[in-house]
Amino acid sequence: VQLQASGGGLVQAGESLRLSCAASGSIFSINAWAWYRQAPGKKREMVATYTNGGATIYADSVKGRFTISRNNAKNTVYLQMNSLNPEDTAVYYCNLGFPYNYWGQGTLVTVSS
């Protein structure tokens, strides 16, 4: 299984971006997806999770601004990011979790003030 993330780019503060991450190969429909990010000089942190039970979990810093969603038919997870601010600048990684543990290659999001 390989994960291909896309959708990153350079935007101004207040704008929006939508990240996508598609899994190639056959995977179980019941699984967990997550988005993480790593800013320069900082540890990788969880941004949003879509659990195998269907619940969504968000980091406090993105609640109300980011939305994780999935399309099982396309083996794809999305991260809609609204009201971006410079603190959201990071490389964003998708993760196909339970029962797997696969990572995408990362996509850079840069938010200018």
N, C-alpha and C. Protein backbone atom coordinates (compact mmCIF):
# COMPACT_ATOMS: atom_id res chain seq x y z
N VAL A 1 0.85 -1.18 0.00
CA VAL A 1 0.00 0.00 0.00
C VAL A 1 0.89 1.24 0.00
N GLN A 2 0.58 2.19 -0.87
CA GLN A 2 1.29 3.46 -0.89
C GLN A 2 0.29 4.59 -0.75
N LEU A 3 0.71 5.63 -0.05
CA LEU A 3 -0.14 6.80 0.14
C LEU A 3 0.44 7.97 -0.64
N GLN A 4 -0.42 8.66 -1.37
CA GLN A 4 0.00 9.81 -2.16
C GLN A 4 -0.77 11.03 -1.68
N ALA A 5 -0.06 11.96 -1.06
CA ALA A 5 -0.68 13.18 -0.55
C ALA A 5 -0.51 14.30 -1.57
N SER A 6 -1.48 15.17 -1.62
CA SER A 6 -1.43 16.31 -2.53
C SER A 6 -2.27 17.44 -1.98
N GLY A 7 -2.12 18.61 -2.59
CA GLY A 7 -2.96 19.74 -2.24
C GLY A 7 -2.28 20.86 -1.48
N GLY A 8 -1.03 20.65 -1.09
CA GLY A 8 -0.33 21.70 -0.38
C GLY A 8 0.02 22.87 -1.29
N GLY A 9 0.47 23.95 -0.68
CA GLY A 9 0.84 25.11 -1.47
C GLY A 9 1.05 26.33 -0.60
N LEU A 10 1.19 27.46 -1.25
CA LEU A 10 1.40 28.74 -0.58
C LEU A 10 0.11 29.55 -0.64
N VAL A 11 -0.38 29.93 0.52
CA VAL A 11 -1.59 30.74 0.60
C VAL A 11 -1.37 31.87 1.59
N GLN A 12 -2.27 32.85 1.55
CA GLN A 12 -2.21 33.94 2.50
C GLN A 12 -3.09 33.63 3.71
N ALA A 13 -2.80 34.28 4.79
CA ALA A 13 -3.59 34.09 6.00
C ALA A 13 -5.07 34.35 5.72
N GLY A 14 -5.90 33.48 6.25
CA GLY A 14 -7.33 33.60 6.05
C GLY A 14 -7.88 32.76 4.91
N GLU A 15 -7.00 32.28 4.07
CA GLU A 15 -7.43 31.48 2.92
C GLU A 15 -7.58 30.01 3.31
N SER A 16 -7.97 29.21 2.31
CA SER A 16 -8.26 27.79 2.55
C SER A 16 -7.45 26.91 1.61
N LEU A 17 -7.26 25.69 2.05
CA LEU A 17 -6.65 24.65 1.23
C LEU A 17 -7.34 23.33 1.55
N ARG A 18 -7.31 22.43 0.58
CA ARG A 18 -7.84 21.09 0.79
C ARG A 18 -6.76 20.08 0.42
N LEU A 19 -6.37 19.30 1.41
CA LEU A 19 -5.38 18.25 1.18
C LEU A 19 -6.10 16.94 0.88
N SER A 20 -5.47 16.14 0.05
CA SER A 20 -6.00 14.81 -0.26
C SER A 20 -4.90 13.78 -0.06
N CYS A 21 -5.30 12.59 0.27
CA CYS A 21 -4.35 11.49 0.41
C CYS A 21 -5.03 10.22 -0.07
N ALA A 22 -4.49 9.64 -1.12
CA ALA A 22 -5.09 8.46 -1.70
C ALA A 22 -4.20 7.25 -1.47
N ALA A 23 -4.82 6.15 -1.10
CA ALA A 23 -4.10 4.90 -0.89
C ALA A 23 -4.24 4.01 -2.11
N SER A 24 -3.13 3.53 -2.58
CA SER A 24 -3.16 2.59 -3.69
C SER A 24 -3.20 1.18 -3.14
N GLY A 25 -3.77 0.29 -3.88
CA GLY A 25 -3.88 -1.08 -3.39
C GLY A 25 -5.18 -1.32 -2.65
N SER A 26 -5.38 -2.54 -2.26
CA SER A 26 -6.61 -2.92 -1.59
C SER A 26 -6.45 -2.79 -0.08
N ILE A 27 -7.38 -2.08 0.53
CA ILE A 27 -7.34 -1.93 1.98
C ILE A 27 -8.72 -2.20 2.55
N PHE A 28 -8.75 -2.55 3.82
CA PHE A 28 -10.02 -2.74 4.50
C PHE A 28 -10.76 -1.40 4.58
N SER A 29 -12.06 -1.44 4.47
CA SER A 29 -12.84 -0.22 4.56
C SER A 29 -12.94 0.28 5.99
N ILE A 30 -12.79 -0.65 6.95
CA ILE A 30 -12.82 -0.23 8.35
C ILE A 30 -11.38 0.02 8.79
N ASN A 31 -11.01 1.27 8.87
CA ASN A 31 -9.64 1.62 9.25
C ASN A 31 -9.64 3.04 9.79
N ALA A 32 -8.53 3.44 10.26
CA ALA A 32 -8.37 4.78 10.81
C ALA A 32 -7.45 5.59 9.92
N TRP A 33 -7.80 6.84 9.71
CA TRP A 33 -6.97 7.77 8.96
C TRP A 33 -6.62 8.95 9.87
N ALA A 34 -5.51 9.57 9.58
CA ALA A 34 -5.13 10.75 10.35
C ALA A 34 -4.24 11.66 9.51
N TRP A 35 -4.26 12.91 9.88
CA TRP A 35 -3.33 13.89 9.34
C TRP A 35 -2.45 14.39 10.48
N TYR A 36 -1.16 14.45 10.20
CA TYR A 36 -0.19 15.00 11.12
C TYR A 36 0.52 16.16 10.43
N ARG A 37 1.20 16.95 11.20
CA ARG A 37 2.02 17.99 10.61
C ARG A 37 3.29 18.19 11.42
N GLN A 38 4.29 18.69 10.74
CA GLN A 38 5.56 18.97 11.40
C GLN A 38 6.08 20.30 10.89
N ALA A 39 6.14 21.24 11.80
CA ALA A 39 6.67 22.56 11.48
C ALA A 39 8.18 22.54 11.70
N PRO A 40 8.91 23.46 11.08
CA PRO A 40 10.36 23.50 11.24
C PRO A 40 10.77 23.60 12.71
N GLY A 41 11.63 22.71 13.13
CA GLY A 41 12.12 22.74 14.48
C GLY A 41 11.17 22.20 15.53
N LYS A 42 10.06 21.66 15.09
CA LYS A 42 9.07 21.14 16.04
C LYS A 42 8.81 19.66 15.80
N LYS A 43 8.21 19.03 16.80
CA LYS A 43 7.87 17.62 16.68
C LYS A 43 6.62 17.46 15.81
N ARG A 44 6.49 16.29 15.23
CA ARG A 44 5.30 15.99 14.46
C ARG A 44 4.11 15.89 15.42
N GLU A 45 3.00 16.49 15.03
CA GLU A 45 1.83 16.48 15.89
C GLU A 45 0.60 16.04 15.11
N MET A 46 -0.31 15.42 15.82
CA MET A 46 -1.56 15.00 15.22
C MET A 46 -2.43 16.23 14.99
N VAL A 47 -3.02 16.31 13.82
CA VAL A 47 -3.90 17.41 13.49
C VAL A 47 -5.36 16.96 13.53
N ALA A 48 -5.65 15.84 12.88
CA ALA A 48 -7.02 15.34 12.81
C ALA A 48 -6.99 13.84 12.59
N THR A 49 -7.94 13.17 13.22
CA THR A 49 -8.06 11.71 13.11
C THR A 49 -9.48 11.32 12.79
N TYR A 50 -9.59 10.35 11.91
CA TYR A 50 -10.90 9.75 11.62
C TYR A 50 -10.76 8.31 12.08
N THR A 51 -11.36 7.98 13.18
CA THR A 51 -11.14 6.66 13.78
C THR A 51 -11.85 5.57 13.00
N ASN A 52 -11.45 4.33 13.29
CA ASN A 52 -12.11 3.21 12.62
C ASN A 52 -13.55 3.06 13.07
N GLY A 53 -13.92 3.71 14.15
CA GLY A 53 -15.30 3.71 14.60
C GLY A 53 -16.12 4.84 14.02
N GLY A 54 -15.50 5.69 13.23
CA GLY A 54 -16.23 6.76 12.58
C GLY A 54 -16.20 8.10 13.31
N ALA A 55 -15.48 8.17 14.41
CA ALA A 55 -15.39 9.43 15.15
C ALA A 55 -14.26 10.28 14.58
N THR A 56 -14.36 11.58 14.81
CA THR A 56 -13.30 12.49 14.40
C THR A 56 -12.72 13.18 15.63
N ILE A 57 -11.42 13.37 15.59
CA ILE A 57 -10.70 14.00 16.69
C ILE A 57 -9.81 15.07 16.11
N TYR A 58 -9.79 16.23 16.75
CA TYR A 58 -8.98 17.33 16.24
C TYR A 58 -8.07 17.88 17.33
N ALA A 59 -6.94 18.37 16.90
CA ALA A 59 -6.08 19.12 17.80
C ALA A 59 -6.79 20.41 18.17
N ASP A 60 -6.58 20.87 19.38
CA ASP A 60 -7.26 22.09 19.82
C ASP A 60 -6.96 23.27 18.90
N SER A 61 -5.77 23.31 18.36
CA SER A 61 -5.35 24.44 17.55
C SER A 61 -6.08 24.54 16.21
N VAL A 62 -6.75 23.45 15.80
CA VAL A 62 -7.42 23.49 14.49
C VAL A 62 -8.92 23.28 14.60
N LYS A 63 -9.43 23.05 15.79
CA LYS A 63 -10.87 22.83 15.96
C LYS A 63 -11.66 24.01 15.41
N GLY A 64 -12.69 23.68 14.66
CA GLY A 64 -13.53 24.71 14.09
C GLY A 64 -13.01 25.27 12.79
N ARG A 65 -11.77 24.93 12.42
CA ARG A 65 -11.20 25.44 11.16
C ARG A 65 -10.90 24.31 10.17
N PHE A 66 -10.51 23.16 10.68
CA PHE A 66 -10.15 22.03 9.83
C PHE A 66 -11.22 20.95 9.92
N THR A 67 -11.41 20.24 8.82
CA THR A 67 -12.35 19.13 8.79
C THR A 67 -11.73 17.96 8.05
N ILE A 68 -11.74 16.81 8.71
CA ILE A 68 -11.25 15.58 8.07
C ILE A 68 -12.44 14.81 7.53
N SER A 69 -12.29 14.26 6.36
CA SER A 69 -13.35 13.45 5.77
C SER A 69 -12.70 12.34 4.96
N ARG A 70 -13.53 11.40 4.54
CA ARG A 70 -12.99 10.26 3.82
C ARG A 70 -13.96 9.78 2.76
N ASN A 71 -13.41 9.14 1.76
CA ASN A 71 -14.21 8.50 0.72
C ASN A 71 -13.71 7.07 0.62
N ASN A 72 -14.43 6.15 1.21
CA ASN A 72 -13.98 4.76 1.24
C ASN A 72 -13.91 4.16 -0.16
N ALA A 73 -14.81 4.56 -1.03
CA ALA A 73 -14.82 4.01 -2.39
C ALA A 73 -13.55 4.37 -3.14
N LYS A 74 -12.96 5.52 -2.77
CA LYS A 74 -11.75 5.98 -3.43
C LYS A 74 -10.50 5.76 -2.58
N ASN A 75 -10.67 5.15 -1.41
CA ASN A 75 -9.54 4.96 -0.48
C ASN A 75 -8.80 6.27 -0.26
N THR A 76 -9.56 7.31 -0.02
CA THR A 76 -8.99 8.65 0.08
C THR A 76 -9.47 9.36 1.32
N VAL A 77 -8.57 10.11 1.92
CA VAL A 77 -8.91 10.97 3.05
C VAL A 77 -8.58 12.40 2.67
N TYR A 78 -9.36 13.32 3.21
CA TYR A 78 -9.21 14.74 2.90
C TYR A 78 -9.03 15.53 4.19
N LEU A 79 -8.42 16.69 4.04
CA LEU A 79 -8.33 17.64 5.14
C LEU A 79 -8.66 19.02 4.57
N GLN A 80 -9.85 19.49 4.90
CA GLN A 80 -10.25 20.84 4.50
C GLN A 80 -9.75 21.80 5.56
N MET A 81 -8.96 22.76 5.15
CA MET A 81 -8.34 23.69 6.08
C MET A 81 -8.82 25.11 5.75
N ASN A 82 -9.55 25.69 6.66
CA ASN A 82 -10.07 27.04 6.48
C ASN A 82 -9.41 28.00 7.46
N SER A 83 -9.52 29.27 7.16
CA SER A 83 -8.98 30.31 8.05
C SER A 83 -7.54 30.01 8.45
N LEU A 84 -6.75 29.70 7.47
CA LEU A 84 -5.35 29.35 7.74
C LEU A 84 -4.59 30.55 8.30
N ASN A 85 -3.65 30.27 9.18
CA ASN A 85 -2.80 31.31 9.72
C ASN A 85 -1.34 30.84 9.64
N PRO A 86 -0.40 31.74 9.80
CA PRO A 86 1.02 31.36 9.64
C PRO A 86 1.46 30.22 10.55
N GLU A 87 0.80 30.05 11.69
CA GLU A 87 1.15 28.96 12.60
C GLU A 87 0.78 27.58 12.02
N ASP A 88 0.01 27.57 10.97
CA ASP A 88 -0.35 26.31 10.31
C ASP A 88 0.70 25.87 9.29
N THR A 89 1.71 26.69 9.09
CA THR A 89 2.77 26.35 8.15
C THR A 89 3.52 25.11 8.62
N ALA A 90 3.56 24.10 7.77
CA ALA A 90 4.19 22.83 8.15
C ALA A 90 4.14 21.88 6.96
N VAL A 91 4.86 20.78 7.10
CA VAL A 91 4.67 19.66 6.18
C VAL A 91 3.58 18.78 6.77
N TYR A 92 2.58 18.51 5.98
CA TYR A 92 1.44 17.70 6.42
C TYR A 92 1.58 16.28 5.88
N TYR A 93 1.40 15.34 6.79
CA TYR A 93 1.53 13.93 6.46
C TYR A 93 0.20 13.20 6.70
N CYS A 94 -0.16 12.34 5.80
CA CYS A 94 -1.33 11.50 6.05
C CYS A 94 -0.85 10.15 6.58
N ASN A 95 -1.69 9.56 7.38
CA ASN A 95 -1.39 8.26 7.99
C ASN A 95 -2.59 7.35 7.88
N LEU A 96 -2.37 6.18 7.33
CA LEU A 96 -3.40 5.15 7.33
C LEU A 96 -3.09 4.26 8.53
N GLY A 97 -3.92 4.41 9.56
CA GLY A 97 -3.64 3.73 10.80
C GLY A 97 -4.29 2.37 10.91
N PHE A 98 -4.81 2.08 12.10
CA PHE A 98 -5.36 0.78 12.37
C PHE A 98 -6.23 0.25 11.25
N PRO A 99 -6.03 -1.00 10.82
CA PRO A 99 -5.05 -1.99 11.30
C PRO A 99 -3.70 -1.88 10.61
N TYR A 100 -3.44 -0.77 9.95
CA TYR A 100 -2.18 -0.57 9.25
C TYR A 100 -1.35 0.49 9.97
N ASN A 101 -0.28 0.87 9.35
CA ASN A 101 0.50 2.04 9.79
C ASN A 101 1.35 2.49 8.61
N TYR A 102 0.68 3.12 7.65
CA TYR A 102 1.37 3.63 6.47
C TYR A 102 1.36 5.15 6.49
N TRP A 103 2.43 5.72 5.93
CA TRP A 103 2.58 7.18 5.90
C TRP A 103 2.73 7.67 4.48
N GLY A 104 2.14 8.82 4.21
CA GLY A 104 2.35 9.48 2.95
C GLY A 104 3.66 10.24 2.96
N GLN A 105 4.01 10.82 1.83
CA GLN A 105 5.31 11.47 1.68
C GLN A 105 5.34 12.88 2.23
N GLY A 106 4.21 13.43 2.56
CA GLY A 106 4.18 14.80 3.08
C GLY A 106 3.92 15.81 1.99
N THR A 107 3.16 16.83 2.33
CA THR A 107 2.90 17.93 1.41
C THR A 107 3.04 19.23 2.18
N LEU A 108 3.75 20.17 1.60
CA LEU A 108 4.09 21.41 2.31
C LEU A 108 2.98 22.44 2.19
N VAL A 109 2.61 22.96 3.33
CA VAL A 109 1.64 24.06 3.41
C VAL A 109 2.35 25.27 3.99
N THR A 110 2.33 26.36 3.26
CA THR A 110 2.96 27.60 3.71
C THR A 110 1.91 28.69 3.73
N VAL A 111 1.75 29.31 4.89
CA VAL A 111 0.77 30.37 5.05
C VAL A 111 1.51 31.68 5.34
N SER A 112 1.35 32.63 4.47
CA SER A 112 2.01 33.93 4.66
C SER A 112 1.09 34.90 5.36
N SER A 113 1.68 35.80 6.09
CA SER A 113 0.88 36.78 6.86
C SER A 113 0.57 38.01 6.03
